[in-house]
């Protein structure tokens, strides 16, 4: 453990429970994983880690960043009162790699990032969760709320595909795919550009799908079901 601004490094051994208290000021906490596959359980009040001593209690922290380092890491994140940033790091790309599971009980909005494997989730009544260098994305709801997927100012390709459970589905936006489980509605926002929407429902699919094409240009927006 180290503290920015002062020449202090503390090595911990045999710690039963670790508490980090920022006390006052604009305090940020960064938690670093290992080169092995790590499993993180993250919330605004704790960061638990499968392979190392985690932070059992957080208080008076204004922002939290978690780095996976090398290895195919998993991040289970519950958003709340402070912004959370997760960085998968290596391996980059491919079907495997780092995975993020976001656990929510309110509505959530997805924003695609500028780089592959990057983006942001805005969760109602909580601070945002941003991610980078992430290969697999999933969001688990409570069955009562909706998800909104925001497009870009350019021409976007949306594809919503129903899964076997009645309120589970995937949404691919320009090749970035997120799996959503237990959501009552899904809204696809095209915004500007000539957007293409594909919806593939299954028998018994119960999620309401709302599509807003937005401001098209010469060709216009298209919908295929």
C-alpha atoms as a PDB file:
ATOM      1  CA  UNK A   1       0.000   0.000   0.000  1.00  0.00           C
ATOM      2  CA  UNK A   2       1.363   3.449  -0.909  1.00  0.00           C
ATOM      3  CA  UNK A   3       0.153   7.039  -0.500  1.00  0.00           C
ATOM      4  CA  UNK A   4       0.567   9.670  -3.189  1.00  0.00           C
ATOM      5  CA  UNK A   5       2.432  12.807  -2.232  1.00  0.00           C
ATOM      6  CA  UNK A   6       4.578  11.258   0.473  1.00  0.00           C
ATOM      7  CA  UNK A   7       7.377   8.714   0.402  1.00  0.00           C
ATOM      8  CA  UNK A   8       5.438   5.968   2.172  1.00  0.00           C
ATOM      9  CA  UNK A   9       5.029   2.321   1.269  1.00  0.00           C
ATOM     10  CA  UNK A  10       3.394  -0.059   3.766  1.00  0.00           C
ATOM     11  CA  UNK A  11       3.744  -3.819   3.361  1.00  0.00           C
ATOM     12  CA  UNK A  12       0.874  -5.763   4.923  1.00  0.00           C
ATOM     13  CA  UNK A  13       0.983  -9.338   6.156  1.00  0.00           C
ATOM     14  CA  UNK A  14      -1.560 -11.406   8.065  1.00  0.00           C
ATOM     15  CA  UNK A  15      -4.166  -8.642   7.986  1.00  0.00           C
ATOM     16  CA  UNK A  16      -7.596  -9.876   8.995  1.00  0.00           C
ATOM     17  CA  UNK A  17      -9.520  -6.829   7.761  1.00  0.00           C
ATOM     18  CA  UNK A  18      -8.311  -3.669   6.031  1.00  0.00           C
ATOM     19  CA  UNK A  19     -10.061  -0.295   6.352  1.00  0.00           C
ATOM     20  CA  UNK A  20      -9.179   2.756   4.243  1.00  0.00           C
ATOM     21  CA  UNK A  21     -10.513   6.115   5.461  1.00  0.00           C
ATOM     22  CA  UNK A  22      -9.793   9.204   3.376  1.00  0.00           C
ATOM     23  CA  UNK A  23     -10.858  11.415   6.316  1.00  0.00           C
ATOM     24  CA  UNK A  24     -11.158  14.686   4.343  1.00  0.00           C
ATOM     25  CA  UNK A  25     -10.229  16.351   1.066  1.00  0.00           C
ATOM     26  CA  UNK A  26     -10.573  14.985  -2.471  1.00  0.00           C
ATOM     27  CA  UNK A  27      -9.355  11.436  -1.954  1.00  0.00           C
ATOM     28  CA  UNK A  28      -9.079   8.722  -4.594  1.00  0.00           C
ATOM     29  CA  UNK A  29      -8.238   5.057  -4.088  1.00  0.00           C
ATOM     30  CA  UNK A  30      -6.589   2.784  -6.663  1.00  0.00           C
ATOM     31  CA  UNK A  31      -6.603  -0.994  -6.181  1.00  0.00           C
ATOM     32  CA  UNK A  32      -4.148  -3.028  -8.274  1.00  0.00           C
ATOM     33  CA  UNK A  33      -4.625  -6.677  -9.192  1.00  0.00           C
ATOM     34  CA  UNK A  34      -2.000  -9.291  -9.996  1.00  0.00           C
ATOM     35  CA  UNK A  35      -0.671 -10.923 -13.159  1.00  0.00           C
ATOM     36  CA  UNK A  36      -2.879 -13.949 -12.377  1.00  0.00           C
ATOM     37  CA  UNK A  37      -6.619 -14.107 -13.101  1.00  0.00           C
ATOM     38  CA  UNK A  38      -8.244 -12.047 -10.345  1.00  0.00           C
ATOM     39  CA  UNK A  39     -11.869 -11.897  -9.211  1.00  0.00           C
ATOM     40  CA  UNK A  40     -12.888  -8.472  -7.887  1.00  0.00           C
ATOM     41  CA  UNK A  41     -16.086  -7.667  -5.985  1.00  0.00           C
ATOM     42  CA  UNK A  42     -16.425  -3.891  -6.022  1.00  0.00           C
ATOM     43  CA  UNK A  43     -18.757  -1.403  -4.362  1.00  0.00           C
ATOM     44  CA  UNK A  44     -18.384   2.153  -3.023  1.00  0.00           C
ATOM     45  CA  UNK A  45     -17.672   0.701   0.427  1.00  0.00           C
ATOM     46  CA  UNK A  46     -15.363  -2.263  -0.297  1.00  0.00           C
ATOM     47  CA  UNK A  47     -13.067  -3.889  -2.855  1.00  0.00           C
ATOM     48  CA  UNK A  48     -12.681  -7.605  -2.286  1.00  0.00           C
ATOM     49  CA  UNK A  49     -10.073  -9.570  -4.228  1.00  0.00           C
ATOM     50  CA  UNK A  50      -9.793 -13.328  -4.660  1.00  0.00           C
ATOM     51  CA  UNK A  51      -5.986 -13.517  -4.707  1.00  0.00           C
ATOM     52  CA  UNK A  52      -4.853 -10.739  -2.345  1.00  0.00           C
ATOM     53  CA  UNK A  53      -5.950  -8.812   0.701  1.00  0.00           C
ATOM     54  CA  UNK A  54      -8.745  -6.547  -0.376  1.00  0.00           C
ATOM     55  CA  UNK A  55     -10.147  -3.415   1.201  1.00  0.00           C
ATOM     56  CA  UNK A  56     -12.882  -4.573   3.558  1.00  0.00           C
ATOM     57  CA  UNK A  57     -14.159  -1.102   4.398  1.00  0.00           C
ATOM     58  CA  UNK A  58     -13.950   2.182   2.464  1.00  0.00           C
ATOM     59  CA  UNK A  59     -15.006   5.543   3.831  1.00  0.00           C
ATOM     60  CA  UNK A  60     -14.536   9.187   2.837  1.00  0.00           C
ATOM     61  CA  UNK A  61     -13.243   8.180  -0.615  1.00  0.00           C
ATOM     62  CA  UNK A  62     -14.345  10.388  -3.519  1.00  0.00           C
ATOM     63  CA  UNK A  63     -13.413   8.143  -6.461  1.00  0.00           C
ATOM     64  CA  UNK A  64     -12.352   4.520  -6.899  1.00  0.00           C
ATOM     65  CA  UNK A  65     -10.202   2.911  -9.636  1.00  0.00           C
ATOM     66  CA  UNK A  66      -9.520  -0.817  -9.935  1.00  0.00           C
ATOM     67  CA  UNK A  67      -6.838  -2.220 -12.279  1.00  0.00           C
ATOM     68  CA  UNK A  68      -6.925  -5.872 -13.217  1.00  0.00           C
ATOM     69  CA  UNK A  69      -3.361  -6.066 -14.559  1.00  0.00           C
ATOM     70  CA  UNK A  70      -2.548  -9.180 -16.610  1.00  0.00           C
ATOM     71  CA  UNK A  71      -4.727 -12.280 -16.565  1.00  0.00           C
ATOM     72  CA  UNK A  72      -8.368 -12.817 -17.502  1.00  0.00           C
ATOM     73  CA  UNK A  73      -9.916 -10.882 -14.622  1.00  0.00           C
ATOM     74  CA  UNK A  74     -13.551 -10.643 -13.541  1.00  0.00           C
ATOM     75  CA  UNK A  75     -15.105  -7.515 -12.040  1.00  0.00           C
ATOM     76  CA  UNK A  76     -18.461  -7.644 -10.241  1.00  0.00           C
ATOM     77  CA  UNK A  77     -19.477  -4.034  -9.605  1.00  0.00           C
ATOM     78  CA  UNK A  78     -22.354  -2.580  -7.593  1.00  0.00           C
ATOM     79  CA  UNK A  79     -22.557   1.190  -8.235  1.00  0.00           C
ATOM     80  CA  UNK A  80     -23.335   3.759  -5.582  1.00  0.00           C
ATOM     81  CA  UNK A  81     -22.267   7.055  -4.057  1.00  0.00           C
ATOM     82  CA  UNK A  82     -18.834   7.451  -5.725  1.00  0.00           C
ATOM     83  CA  UNK A  83     -17.686   7.070  -9.346  1.00  0.00           C
ATOM     84  CA  UNK A  84     -16.021   3.744 -10.088  1.00  0.00           C
ATOM     85  CA  UNK A  85     -13.516   3.079 -12.892  1.00  0.00           C
ATOM     86  CA  UNK A  86     -12.380  -0.415 -13.835  1.00  0.00           C
ATOM     87  CA  UNK A  87      -9.496  -1.184 -16.200  1.00  0.00           C
ATOM     88  CA  UNK A  88      -9.069  -4.747 -17.399  1.00  0.00           C
ATOM     89  CA  UNK A  89      -5.566  -4.366 -18.873  1.00  0.00           C
ATOM     90  CA  UNK A  90      -4.037  -7.394 -20.625  1.00  0.00           C
ATOM     91  CA  UNK A  91      -5.110  -9.594 -22.334  1.00  0.00           C
ATOM     92  CA  UNK A  92      -6.629  -7.219 -24.875  1.00  0.00           C
ATOM     93  CA  UNK A  93      -9.320  -8.262 -27.347  1.00  0.00           C
ATOM     94  CA  UNK A  94     -10.517 -11.710 -28.275  1.00  0.00           C
ATOM     95  CA  UNK A  95     -13.464 -13.777 -27.110  1.00  0.00           C
ATOM     96  CA  UNK A  96     -11.961 -14.327 -23.680  1.00  0.00           C
ATOM     97  CA  UNK A  97     -10.195 -11.812 -21.487  1.00  0.00           C
ATOM     98  CA  UNK A  98     -11.498  -9.476 -18.814  1.00  0.00           C
ATOM     99  CA  UNK A  99     -15.191  -9.384 -17.942  1.00  0.00           C
ATOM    100  CA  UNK A 100     -17.381  -6.841 -16.175  1.00  0.00           C
ATOM    101  CA  UNK A 101     -20.688  -7.630 -14.461  1.00  0.00           C
ATOM    102  CA  UNK A 102     -22.702  -4.605 -13.348  1.00  0.00           C
ATOM    103  CA  UNK A 103     -25.352  -5.254 -10.682  1.00  0.00           C
ATOM    104  CA  UNK A 104     -28.204  -2.713 -10.619  1.00  0.00           C
ATOM    105  CA  UNK A 105     -31.661  -2.300  -9.135  1.00  0.00           C
ATOM    106  CA  UNK A 106     -32.578   0.853 -11.073  1.00  0.00           C
ATOM    107  CA  UNK A 107     -32.560   2.024 -14.693  1.00  0.00           C
ATOM    108  CA  UNK A 108     -29.200   2.066 -16.505  1.00  0.00           C
ATOM    109  CA  UNK A 109     -27.865   3.817 -19.624  1.00  0.00           C
ATOM    110  CA  UNK A 110     -24.963   2.538 -21.727  1.00  0.00           C
ATOM    111  CA  UNK A 111     -22.564   4.888 -23.529  1.00  0.00           C
ATOM    112  CA  UNK A 112     -20.078   3.475 -26.016  1.00  0.00           C
ATOM    113  CA  UNK A 113     -16.475   4.630 -25.528  1.00  0.00           C
ATOM    114  CA  UNK A 114     -14.104   5.987 -28.160  1.00  0.00           C
ATOM    115  CA  UNK A 115     -11.763   3.005 -27.845  1.00  0.00           C
ATOM    116  CA  UNK A 116     -12.548  -0.698 -28.175  1.00  0.00           C
ATOM    117  CA  UNK A 117     -13.526  -2.222 -24.843  1.00  0.00           C
ATOM    118  CA  UNK A 118     -14.304   1.159 -23.270  1.00  0.00           C
ATOM    119  CA  UNK A 119     -17.479   2.935 -22.232  1.00  0.00           C
ATOM    120  CA  UNK A 120     -19.670   4.097 -19.365  1.00  0.00           C
ATOM    121  CA  UNK A 121     -22.772   2.992 -17.520  1.00  0.00           C
ATOM    122  CA  UNK A 122     -24.940   5.705 -15.968  1.00  0.00           C
ATOM    123  CA  UNK A 123     -27.115   4.225 -13.240  1.00  0.00           C
ATOM    124  CA  UNK A 124     -30.119   6.048 -11.785  1.00  0.00           C
ATOM    125  CA  UNK A 125     -29.494   7.350  -8.240  1.00  0.00           C
ATOM    126  CA  UNK A 126     -25.804   6.362  -8.420  1.00  0.00           C
ATOM    127  CA  UNK A 127     -22.483   7.657  -9.702  1.00  0.00           C
ATOM    128  CA  UNK A 128     -21.280   6.354 -13.100  1.00  0.00           C
ATOM    129  CA  UNK A 129     -19.203   3.255 -13.709  1.00  0.00           C
ATOM    130  CA  UNK A 130     -16.610   3.626 -16.476  1.00  0.00           C
ATOM    131  CA  UNK A 131     -14.582   0.809 -17.973  1.00  0.00           C
ATOM    132  CA  UNK A 132     -11.572   0.344 -20.243  1.00  0.00           C
ATOM    133  CA  UNK A 133      -9.912  -2.648 -21.905  1.00  0.00           C
ATOM    134  CA  UNK A 134     -12.841  -4.932 -21.171  1.00  0.00           C
ATOM    135  CA  UNK A 135     -13.666  -7.892 -23.430  1.00  0.00           C
ATOM    136  CA  UNK A 136     -16.974  -9.099 -21.949  1.00  0.00           C
ATOM    137  CA  UNK A 137     -19.800  -6.964 -20.547  1.00  0.00           C
ATOM    138  CA  UNK A 138     -22.979  -7.917 -18.690  1.00  0.00           C
ATOM    139  CA  UNK A 139     -25.600  -6.050 -16.670  1.00  0.00           C
ATOM    140  CA  UNK A 140     -27.973  -7.745 -14.229  1.00  0.00           C
ATOM    141  CA  UNK A 141     -31.166  -5.914 -13.271  1.00  0.00           C
ATOM    142  CA  UNK A 142     -34.054  -6.665 -10.924  1.00  0.00           C
ATOM    143  CA  UNK A 143     -36.732  -7.306 -13.547  1.00  0.00           C
ATOM    144  CA  UNK A 144     -38.566  -4.024 -12.988  1.00  0.00           C
ATOM    145  CA  UNK A 145     -36.434  -1.380 -14.708  1.00  0.00           C
ATOM    146  CA  UNK A 146     -35.202  -0.496 -18.149  1.00  0.00           C
ATOM    147  CA  UNK A 147     -31.949  -0.135 -20.025  1.00  0.00           C
ATOM    148  CA  UNK A 148     -31.130   2.565 -22.571  1.00  0.00           C
ATOM    149  CA  UNK A 149     -28.395   2.093 -25.164  1.00  0.00           C
ATOM    150  CA  UNK A 150     -27.181   5.395 -26.590  1.00  0.00           C
ATOM    151  CA  UNK A 151     -25.752   5.570 -30.064  1.00  0.00           C
ATOM    152  CA  UNK A 152     -23.183   8.005 -31.428  1.00  0.00           C
ATOM    153  CA  UNK A 153     -23.480  11.091 -33.650  1.00  0.00           C
ATOM    154  CA  UNK A 154     -22.526   8.929 -36.644  1.00  0.00           C
ATOM    155  CA  UNK A 155     -24.156   5.998 -38.415  1.00  0.00           C
ATOM    156  CA  UNK A 156     -24.669   3.198 -35.889  1.00  0.00           C
ATOM    157  CA  UNK A 157     -25.558  -0.485 -36.147  1.00  0.00           C
ATOM    158  CA  UNK A 158     -27.762  -1.797 -33.320  1.00  0.00           C
ATOM    159  CA  UNK A 159     -28.692  -5.458 -32.902  1.00  0.00           C
ATOM    160  CA  UNK A 160     -30.937  -6.658 -30.064  1.00  0.00           C
ATOM    161  CA  UNK A 161     -31.151 -10.439 -29.714  1.00  0.00           C
ATOM    162  CA  UNK A 162     -33.485 -12.160 -27.256  1.00  0.00           C
ATOM    163  CA  UNK A 163     -32.075 -14.968 -25.115  1.00  0.00           C
ATOM    164  CA  UNK A 164     -33.874 -17.985 -23.650  1.00  0.00           C
ATOM    165  CA  UNK A 165     -35.078 -16.278 -20.453  1.00  0.00           C
ATOM    166  CA  UNK A 166     -38.072 -13.997 -21.162  1.00  0.00           C
ATOM    167  CA  UNK A 167     -36.368 -10.745 -20.077  1.00  0.00           C
ATOM    168  CA  UNK A 168     -32.760 -11.500 -21.074  1.00  0.00           C
ATOM    169  CA  UNK A 169     -31.136 -10.217 -24.258  1.00  0.00           C
ATOM    170  CA  UNK A 170     -27.952  -8.903 -25.823  1.00  0.00           C
ATOM    171  CA  UNK A 171     -27.458  -5.559 -27.505  1.00  0.00           C
ATOM    172  CA  UNK A 172     -24.632  -5.059 -29.951  1.00  0.00           C
ATOM    173  CA  UNK A 173     -23.705  -1.473 -30.824  1.00  0.00           C
ATOM    174  CA  UNK A 174     -21.129  -1.123 -33.582  1.00  0.00           C
ATOM    175  CA  UNK A 175     -19.696  -4.515 -32.599  1.00  0.00           C
ATOM    176  CA  UNK A 176     -19.608  -3.950 -28.828  1.00  0.00           C
ATOM    177  CA  UNK A 177     -21.957  -6.475 -27.208  1.00  0.00           C
ATOM    178  CA  UNK A 178     -23.504  -6.284 -23.741  1.00  0.00           C
ATOM    179  CA  UNK A 179     -25.612  -9.042 -22.176  1.00  0.00           C
ATOM    180  CA  UNK A 180     -28.588  -7.761 -20.172  1.00  0.00           C
ATOM    181  CA  UNK A 181     -30.508 -10.000 -17.759  1.00  0.00           C
ATOM    182  CA  UNK A 182     -33.783  -9.215 -15.951  1.00  0.00           C
ATOM    183  CA  UNK A 183     -34.861  -5.966 -17.628  1.00  0.00           C
ATOM    184  CA  UNK A 184     -38.451  -4.917 -18.304  1.00  0.00           C
ATOM    185  CA  UNK A 185     -37.629  -2.617 -21.229  1.00  0.00           C
ATOM    186  CA  UNK A 186     -34.854  -1.752 -23.671  1.00  0.00           C
ATOM    187  CA  UNK A 187     -34.591   1.603 -25.457  1.00  0.00           C
ATOM    188  CA  UNK A 188     -32.247   2.030 -28.415  1.00  0.00           C
ATOM    189  CA  UNK A 189     -31.353   5.674 -29.114  1.00  0.00           C
ATOM    190  CA  UNK A 190     -29.950   6.288 -32.579  1.00  0.00           C
ATOM    191  CA  UNK A 191     -29.408  10.057 -32.347  1.00  0.00           C
ATOM    192  CA  UNK A 192     -27.767  11.467 -35.504  1.00  0.00           C
ATOM    193  CA  UNK A 193     -26.646   9.522 -38.556  1.00  0.00           C
ATOM    194  CA  UNK A 194     -28.264   6.854 -40.697  1.00  0.00           C
ATOM    195  CA  UNK A 195     -28.727   4.131 -38.090  1.00  0.00           C
ATOM    196  CA  UNK A 196     -29.601   0.476 -38.687  1.00  0.00           C
ATOM    197  CA  UNK A 197     -31.647  -1.410 -36.068  1.00  0.00           C
ATOM    198  CA  UNK A 198     -32.084  -5.185 -36.001  1.00  0.00           C
ATOM    199  CA  UNK A 199     -34.352  -6.847 -33.437  1.00  0.00           C
ATOM    200  CA  UNK A 200     -34.479 -10.643 -33.089  1.00  0.00           C
ATOM    201  CA  UNK A 201     -37.194 -11.645 -30.567  1.00  0.00           C
ATOM    202  CA  UNK A 202     -38.145 -15.153 -29.444  1.00  0.00           C
ATOM    203  CA  UNK A 203     -41.490 -16.641 -28.462  1.00  0.00           C
ATOM    204  CA  UNK A 204     -42.257 -15.596 -24.883  1.00  0.00           C
ATOM    205  CA  UNK A 205     -39.889 -12.617 -24.917  1.00  0.00           C
ATOM    206  CA  UNK A 206     -41.407 -10.084 -22.478  1.00  0.00           C
ATOM    207  CA  UNK A 207     -39.022  -7.116 -22.585  1.00  0.00           C
ATOM    208  CA  UNK A 208     -40.540  -4.019 -24.220  1.00  0.00           C
ATOM    209  CA  UNK A 209     -38.322  -2.710 -27.029  1.00  0.00           C
ATOM    210  CA  UNK A 210     -38.435   1.013 -27.874  1.00  0.00           C
ATOM    211  CA  UNK A 211     -36.477   2.405 -30.828  1.00  0.00           C
ATOM    212  CA  UNK A 212     -35.737   6.080 -31.477  1.00  0.00           C
ATOM    213  CA  UNK A 213     -34.085   6.641 -34.830  1.00  0.00           C
ATOM    214  CA  UNK A 214     -33.123  10.258 -34.153  1.00  0.00           C
ATOM    215  CA  UNK A 215     -32.000  12.770 -36.762  1.00  0.00           C
ATOM    216  CA  UNK A 216     -31.176  10.892 -39.919  1.00  0.00           C
ATOM    217  CA  UNK A 217     -29.239  12.199 -42.918  1.00  0.00           C
ATOM    218  CA  UNK A 218     -29.764  11.405 -46.607  1.00  0.00           C
ATOM    219  CA  UNK A 219     -30.387   7.667 -46.328  1.00  0.00           C
ATOM    220  CA  UNK A 220     -32.506   7.585 -43.164  1.00  0.00           C
ATOM    221  CA  UNK A 221     -32.762   5.054 -40.347  1.00  0.00           C
ATOM    222  CA  UNK A 222     -33.785   1.429 -40.958  1.00  0.00           C
ATOM    223  CA  UNK A 223     -35.428  -1.255 -38.798  1.00  0.00           C
ATOM    224  CA  UNK A 224     -35.321  -4.993 -39.441  1.00  0.00           C
ATOM    225  CA  UNK A 225     -37.247  -7.459 -37.269  1.00  0.00           C
END
